[in-house]
Amino acid sequence: ARVSQWNDKSGNNRHLLQATAGLQPVLVSAGLNGLDVVHFDQVGRVMRTGSATALAAQFGVCMAVRWITATANGYLFDSQATNADVLISGITTTSMRMYAGTNLSAVGITAPETMCISAKFNGASSELRKNGSTFASGAAGANVFELATVGNNFVANTACLAYIGEAIWWANPTAQQFTNAEAYIQAKWGTP
């Protein structure tokens, strides 16, 4: 089945949407830890928030991901505007990056791989985490996040080639919120 709407569980009605059938990702039953996942399986598959979700330059993202095929520029999460590009993606077939004006990346991804990927966007004190441990830290820029794009970049011209079980994003994350979000993702989705 194709996924046209991925409901926001926060109560803020920031659902991820895709009205065009040919661009809708695929729902995979029991794809990760016995739970259904959304599979962004080819170029152009993408979901976006339908309403503004603007966050300050300091915000966090935490995702349950099963990277199926290693791919350069496989975007998991992106902003929806060219003037405020913020992203988490593969940069090569073995490395991940976060970006809010400056690339912050690290090598250490293998496919297929199941992981909890989290990113704390905070200018010069940004952090990319994998399975609860720091993967890369330092400057990632200070672009402001606008509208969410999941499973691709904002122009939808790449292929993520991953299962995404859940994505959480919020403003001004504390260290405890990150620890709690990662523990939740790891327990629910069976990520290491």
C-alpha atoms as a PDB file:
ATOM      1  CA  ALA A   1       0.000   0.000   0.000  1.00  0.00           C
ATOM      2  CA  ARG A   2       1.075   3.567  -0.649  1.00  0.00           C
ATOM      3  CA  VAL A   3       1.232   6.159   2.152  1.00  0.00           C
ATOM      4  CA  SER A   4      -0.490   9.483   1.467  1.00  0.00           C
ATOM      5  CA  GLN A   5      -0.529  10.748   5.069  1.00  0.00           C
ATOM      6  CA  TRP A   6       1.716   9.958   8.038  1.00  0.00           C
ATOM      7  CA  ASN A   7      -0.058  11.263  11.122  1.00  0.00           C
ATOM      8  CA  ASP A   8       1.586  13.542  13.652  1.00  0.00           C
ATOM      9  CA  LYS A   9       1.256  11.937  17.099  1.00  0.00           C
ATOM     10  CA  SER A  10       2.092  15.155  18.983  1.00  0.00           C
ATOM     11  CA  GLY A  11      -1.382  16.622  18.598  1.00  0.00           C
ATOM     12  CA  ASN A  12      -0.028  19.566  16.569  1.00  0.00           C
ATOM     13  CA  ASN A  13      -1.537  18.314  13.274  1.00  0.00           C
ATOM     14  CA  ARG A  14       1.793  18.562  11.428  1.00  0.00           C
ATOM     15  CA  HIS A  15       1.081  15.474   9.373  1.00  0.00           C
ATOM     16  CA  LEU A  16       3.466  14.373   6.640  1.00  0.00           C
ATOM     17  CA  LEU A  17       1.597  14.366   3.330  1.00  0.00           C
ATOM     18  CA  GLN A  18       2.001  13.215  -0.269  1.00  0.00           C
ATOM     19  CA  ALA A  19      -1.008  13.634  -2.559  1.00  0.00           C
ATOM     20  CA  THR A  20       0.678  12.416  -5.767  1.00  0.00           C
ATOM     21  CA  ALA A  21       0.303   8.630  -5.945  1.00  0.00           C
ATOM     22  CA  GLY A  22       3.512   8.130  -7.936  1.00  0.00           C
ATOM     23  CA  LEU A  23       5.549   9.929  -5.248  1.00  0.00           C
ATOM     24  CA  GLN A  24       4.052   8.165  -2.247  1.00  0.00           C
ATOM     25  CA  PRO A  25       6.333   5.858  -0.271  1.00  0.00           C
ATOM     26  CA  VAL A  26       5.360   2.244   0.410  1.00  0.00           C
ATOM     27  CA  LEU A  27       4.010   0.892   3.701  1.00  0.00           C
ATOM     28  CA  VAL A  28       5.918  -2.265   4.683  1.00  0.00           C
ATOM     29  CA  SER A  29       4.244  -4.537   7.247  1.00  0.00           C
ATOM     30  CA  ALA A  30       6.507  -5.665  10.098  1.00  0.00           C
ATOM     31  CA  GLY A  31       9.503  -3.974   8.461  1.00  0.00           C
ATOM     32  CA  LEU A  32      11.342  -3.121  11.671  1.00  0.00           C
ATOM     33  CA  ASN A  33      11.049  -4.911  15.011  1.00  0.00           C
ATOM     34  CA  GLY A  34       7.678  -6.325  13.922  1.00  0.00           C
ATOM     35  CA  LEU A  35       6.241  -2.846  13.309  1.00  0.00           C
ATOM     36  CA  ASP A  36       5.107  -1.225  10.074  1.00  0.00           C
ATOM     37  CA  VAL A  37       7.502   1.225   8.420  1.00  0.00           C
ATOM     38  CA  VAL A  38       7.459   3.666   5.537  1.00  0.00           C
ATOM     39  CA  HIS A  39       9.818   2.657   2.692  1.00  0.00           C
ATOM     40  CA  PHE A  40      11.227   5.424   0.513  1.00  0.00           C
ATOM     41  CA  ASP A  41      12.145   3.001  -2.251  1.00  0.00           C
ATOM     42  CA  GLN A  42      13.030   5.080  -5.316  1.00  0.00           C
ATOM     43  CA  VAL A  43      13.886   8.538  -6.609  1.00  0.00           C
ATOM     44  CA  GLY A  44      11.160  11.074  -5.897  1.00  0.00           C
ATOM     45  CA  ARG A  45       9.413   9.303  -3.014  1.00  0.00           C
ATOM     46  CA  VAL A  46       8.874  11.998  -0.371  1.00  0.00           C
ATOM     47  CA  MET A  47       6.536  13.241   2.365  1.00  0.00           C
ATOM     48  CA  ARG A  48       6.230  16.829   3.616  1.00  0.00           C
ATOM     49  CA  THR A  49       4.436  18.691   6.364  1.00  0.00           C
ATOM     50  CA  GLY A  50       1.467  20.601   5.026  1.00  0.00           C
ATOM     51  CA  SER A  51       1.771  23.491   7.482  1.00  0.00           C
ATOM     52  CA  ALA A  52       4.645  25.522   8.841  1.00  0.00           C
ATOM     53  CA  THR A  53       6.716  23.916  11.575  1.00  0.00           C
ATOM     54  CA  ALA A  54       9.308  26.669  11.911  1.00  0.00           C
ATOM     55  CA  LEU A  55      11.821  26.021  14.683  1.00  0.00           C
ATOM     56  CA  ALA A  56      14.688  28.091  15.993  1.00  0.00           C
ATOM     57  CA  ALA A  57      18.255  27.386  14.926  1.00  0.00           C
ATOM     58  CA  GLN A  58      18.550  25.068  17.944  1.00  0.00           C
ATOM     59  CA  PHE A  59      16.400  21.972  17.453  1.00  0.00           C
ATOM     60  CA  GLY A  60      16.586  18.190  17.525  1.00  0.00           C
ATOM     61  CA  VAL A  61      15.636  15.272  15.312  1.00  0.00           C
ATOM     62  CA  CYS A  62      15.535  11.586  16.275  1.00  0.00           C
ATOM     63  CA  MET A  63      14.644   8.807  13.810  1.00  0.00           C
ATOM     64  CA  ALA A  64      14.297   5.026  13.620  1.00  0.00           C
ATOM     65  CA  VAL A  65      15.943   4.038  10.334  1.00  0.00           C
ATOM     66  CA  ARG A  66      16.787   0.848   8.451  1.00  0.00           C
ATOM     67  CA  TRP A  67      19.236   1.855   5.724  1.00  0.00           C
ATOM     68  CA  ILE A  68      18.494  -0.736   3.021  1.00  0.00           C
ATOM     69  CA  THR A  69      20.970   0.209   0.298  1.00  0.00           C
ATOM     70  CA  ALA A  70      23.995   2.451   0.773  1.00  0.00           C
ATOM     71  CA  THR A  71      23.528   5.548  -1.336  1.00  0.00           C
ATOM     72  CA  ALA A  72      25.260   8.894  -1.565  1.00  0.00           C
ATOM     73  CA  ASN A  73      22.897  11.797  -0.901  1.00  0.00           C
ATOM     74  CA  GLY A  74      20.140   9.586   0.490  1.00  0.00           C
ATOM     75  CA  TYR A  75      18.198  12.175   2.480  1.00  0.00           C
ATOM     76  CA  LEU A  76      16.383  11.055   5.618  1.00  0.00           C
ATOM     77  CA  PHE A  77      15.247  14.521   6.710  1.00  0.00           C
ATOM     78  CA  ASP A  78      15.370  17.964   5.123  1.00  0.00           C
ATOM     79  CA  SER A  79      13.914  21.412   5.452  1.00  0.00           C
ATOM     80  CA  GLN A  80      11.457  22.389   2.765  1.00  0.00           C
ATOM     81  CA  ALA A  81      13.013  25.640   1.570  1.00  0.00           C
ATOM     82  CA  THR A  82      16.202  26.433  -0.296  1.00  0.00           C
ATOM     83  CA  ASN A  83      16.939  29.477   1.838  1.00  0.00           C
ATOM     84  CA  ALA A  84      16.905  27.484   5.081  1.00  0.00           C
ATOM     85  CA  ASP A  85      18.382  24.140   4.124  1.00  0.00           C
ATOM     86  CA  VAL A  86      18.699  21.808   7.108  1.00  0.00           C
ATOM     87  CA  LEU A  87      19.268  18.106   6.554  1.00  0.00           C
ATOM     88  CA  ILE A  88      20.351  14.675   7.675  1.00  0.00           C
ATOM     89  CA  SER A  89      21.579  12.488   4.823  1.00  0.00           C
ATOM     90  CA  GLY A  90      24.095  10.035   3.544  1.00  0.00           C
ATOM     91  CA  ILE A  91      26.963  11.937   1.969  1.00  0.00           C
ATOM     92  CA  THR A  92      28.738   8.882   0.580  1.00  0.00           C
ATOM     93  CA  THR A  93      27.797   5.213   0.725  1.00  0.00           C
ATOM     94  CA  THR A  94      29.568   4.898   4.103  1.00  0.00           C
ATOM     95  CA  SER A  95      29.053   8.260   5.819  1.00  0.00           C
ATOM     96  CA  MET A  96      26.274  10.412   7.242  1.00  0.00           C
ATOM     97  CA  ARG A  97      26.027  14.170   7.550  1.00  0.00           C
ATOM     98  CA  MET A  98      23.958  16.870   9.130  1.00  0.00           C
ATOM     99  CA  TYR A  99      23.866  20.325   7.627  1.00  0.00           C
ATOM    100  CA  ALA A 100      22.417  23.709   8.555  1.00  0.00           C
ATOM    101  CA  GLY A 101      24.799  25.804   6.479  1.00  0.00           C
ATOM    102  CA  THR A 102      27.971  23.780   7.209  1.00  0.00           C
ATOM    103  CA  ASN A 103      28.582  20.044   6.654  1.00  0.00           C
ATOM    104  CA  LEU A 104      29.211  17.967   9.769  1.00  0.00           C
ATOM    105  CA  SER A 105      29.865  14.358   8.780  1.00  0.00           C
ATOM    106  CA  ALA A 106      31.432  11.078   9.857  1.00  0.00           C
ATOM    107  CA  VAL A 107      32.210   7.701   8.275  1.00  0.00           C
ATOM    108  CA  GLY A 108      30.723   4.559   9.788  1.00  0.00           C
ATOM    109  CA  ILE A 109      27.507   3.530   8.042  1.00  0.00           C
ATOM    110  CA  THR A 110      27.082   0.110   6.461  1.00  0.00           C
ATOM    111  CA  ALA A 111      24.058  -1.127   4.588  1.00  0.00           C
ATOM    112  CA  PRO A 112      21.861  -2.784   5.421  1.00  0.00           C
ATOM    113  CA  GLU A 113      21.927  -1.271   8.904  1.00  0.00           C
ATOM    114  CA  THR A 114      19.267  -0.534  11.506  1.00  0.00           C
ATOM    115  CA  MET A 115      19.942   2.524  13.642  1.00  0.00           C
ATOM    116  CA  CYS A 116      18.648   5.323  15.788  1.00  0.00           C
ATOM    117  CA  ILE A 117      19.906   8.511  14.127  1.00  0.00           C
ATOM    118  CA  SER A 118      19.613  11.736  16.068  1.00  0.00           C
ATOM    119  CA  ALA A 119      20.874  15.228  15.421  1.00  0.00           C
ATOM    120  CA  LYS A 120      21.102  18.241  17.682  1.00  0.00           C
ATOM    121  CA  PHE A 121      21.268  21.348  15.504  1.00  0.00           C
ATOM    122  CA  ASN A 122      22.954  24.033  17.621  1.00  0.00           C
ATOM    123  CA  GLY A 123      25.367  26.075  15.475  1.00  0.00           C
ATOM    124  CA  ALA A 124      28.989  25.428  16.493  1.00  0.00           C
ATOM    125  CA  SER A 125      27.888  22.923  19.162  1.00  0.00           C
ATOM    126  CA  SER A 126      25.924  20.581  16.889  1.00  0.00           C
ATOM    127  CA  GLU A 127      25.967  16.811  17.315  1.00  0.00           C
ATOM    128  CA  LEU A 128      25.133  13.860  15.058  1.00  0.00           C
ATOM    129  CA  ARG A 129      24.436  10.679  17.008  1.00  0.00           C
ATOM    130  CA  LYS A 130      24.053   7.044  16.015  1.00  0.00           C
ATOM    131  CA  ASN A 131      22.520   4.522  18.414  1.00  0.00           C
ATOM    132  CA  GLY A 132      22.902   6.867  21.391  1.00  0.00           C
ATOM    133  CA  SER A 133      26.580   7.679  20.856  1.00  0.00           C
ATOM    134  CA  THR A 134      28.197  10.738  19.331  1.00  0.00           C
ATOM    135  CA  PHE A 135      29.041  10.092  15.697  1.00  0.00           C
ATOM    136  CA  ALA A 136      30.234  13.622  14.840  1.00  0.00           C
ATOM    137  CA  SER A 137      30.234  16.932  16.688  1.00  0.00           C
ATOM    138  CA  GLY A 138      31.125  20.518  15.911  1.00  0.00           C
ATOM    139  CA  ALA A 139      29.826  23.251  13.630  1.00  0.00           C
ATOM    140  CA  ALA A 140      26.843  22.448  11.391  1.00  0.00           C
ATOM    141  CA  GLY A 141      25.717  26.017  10.712  1.00  0.00           C
ATOM    142  CA  ALA A 142      22.724  27.934  12.015  1.00  0.00           C
ATOM    143  CA  ASN A 143      20.068  27.851   9.276  1.00  0.00           C
ATOM    144  CA  VAL A 144      16.540  27.915  10.687  1.00  0.00           C
ATOM    145  CA  PHE A 145      14.370  24.859  10.108  1.00  0.00           C
ATOM    146  CA  GLU A 146      11.140  25.590   8.236  1.00  0.00           C
ATOM    147  CA  LEU A 147       8.923  22.801   6.856  1.00  0.00           C
ATOM    148  CA  ALA A 148       9.786  19.113   7.214  1.00  0.00           C
ATOM    149  CA  THR A 149      10.609  16.842   4.281  1.00  0.00           C
ATOM    150  CA  VAL A 150      11.107  13.164   5.151  1.00  0.00           C
ATOM    151  CA  GLY A 151      12.575  10.467   2.906  1.00  0.00           C
ATOM    152  CA  ASN A 152      14.146  12.840   0.388  1.00  0.00           C
ATOM    153  CA  ASN A 153      15.509  16.334  -0.098  1.00  0.00           C
ATOM    154  CA  PHE A 154      13.197  19.302  -0.565  1.00  0.00           C
ATOM    155  CA  VAL A 155      13.271  19.052  -4.380  1.00  0.00           C
ATOM    156  CA  ALA A 156      12.715  15.262  -4.251  1.00  0.00           C
ATOM    157  CA  ASN A 157      15.421  14.350  -6.753  1.00  0.00           C
ATOM    158  CA  THR A 158      17.235  11.624  -4.799  1.00  0.00           C
ATOM    159  CA  ALA A 159      16.432   8.200  -3.399  1.00  0.00           C
ATOM    160  CA  CYS A 160      16.661   7.544   0.331  1.00  0.00           C
ATOM    161  CA  LEU A 161      16.391   3.740  -0.022  1.00  0.00           C
ATOM    162  CA  ALA A 162      15.550   3.315   3.651  1.00  0.00           C
ATOM    163  CA  TYR A 163      12.789   2.226   5.963  1.00  0.00           C
ATOM    164  CA  ILE A 164      11.782   4.983   8.381  1.00  0.00           C
ATOM    165  CA  GLY A 165       9.790   3.859  11.374  1.00  0.00           C
ATOM    166  CA  GLU A 166       9.394   7.132  13.214  1.00  0.00           C
ATOM    167  CA  ALA A 167      10.692  10.695  13.167  1.00  0.00           C
ATOM    168  CA  ILE A 168      10.585  13.080  16.110  1.00  0.00           C
ATOM    169  CA  TRP A 169      11.633  16.739  15.950  1.00  0.00           C
ATOM    170  CA  TRP A 170      11.383  19.511  18.511  1.00  0.00           C
ATOM    171  CA  ALA A 171      12.753  22.948  19.420  1.00  0.00           C
ATOM    172  CA  ASN A 172      15.429  23.661  22.032  1.00  0.00           C
ATOM    173  CA  PRO A 173      16.216  20.074  23.046  1.00  0.00           C
ATOM    174  CA  THR A 174      17.797  19.404  26.427  1.00  0.00           C
ATOM    175  CA  ALA A 175      20.328  16.615  26.955  1.00  0.00           C
ATOM    176  CA  GLN A 176      17.666  14.672  28.888  1.00  0.00           C
ATOM    177  CA  GLN A 177      15.147  15.026  26.053  1.00  0.00           C
ATOM    178  CA  PHE A 178      17.706  13.568  23.654  1.00  0.00           C
ATOM    179  CA  THR A 179      18.444  10.678  25.994  1.00  0.00           C
ATOM    180  CA  ASN A 180      14.712  10.009  26.423  1.00  0.00           C
ATOM    181  CA  ALA A 181      13.965  10.200  22.672  1.00  0.00           C
ATOM    182  CA  GLU A 182      16.833   7.850  21.823  1.00  0.00           C
ATOM    183  CA  ALA A 183      15.816   5.374  24.546  1.00  0.00           C
ATOM    184  CA  TYR A 184      12.228   5.450  23.257  1.00  0.00           C
ATOM    185  CA  ILE A 185      13.287   4.863  19.612  1.00  0.00           C
ATOM    186  CA  GLN A 186      15.721   2.103  20.590  1.00  0.00           C
ATOM    187  CA  ALA A 187      13.164   0.267  22.751  1.00  0.00           C
ATOM    188  CA  LYS A 188      10.234   0.573  20.362  1.00  0.00           C
ATOM    189  CA  TRP A 189      12.062  -0.054  17.088  1.00  0.00           C
ATOM    190  CA  GLY A 190      14.770  -2.474  18.252  1.00  0.00           C
ATOM    191  CA  THR A 191      17.656  -0.292  17.115  1.00  0.00           C
ATOM    192  CA  PRO A 192      21.025  -0.964  18.782  1.00  0.00           C
END
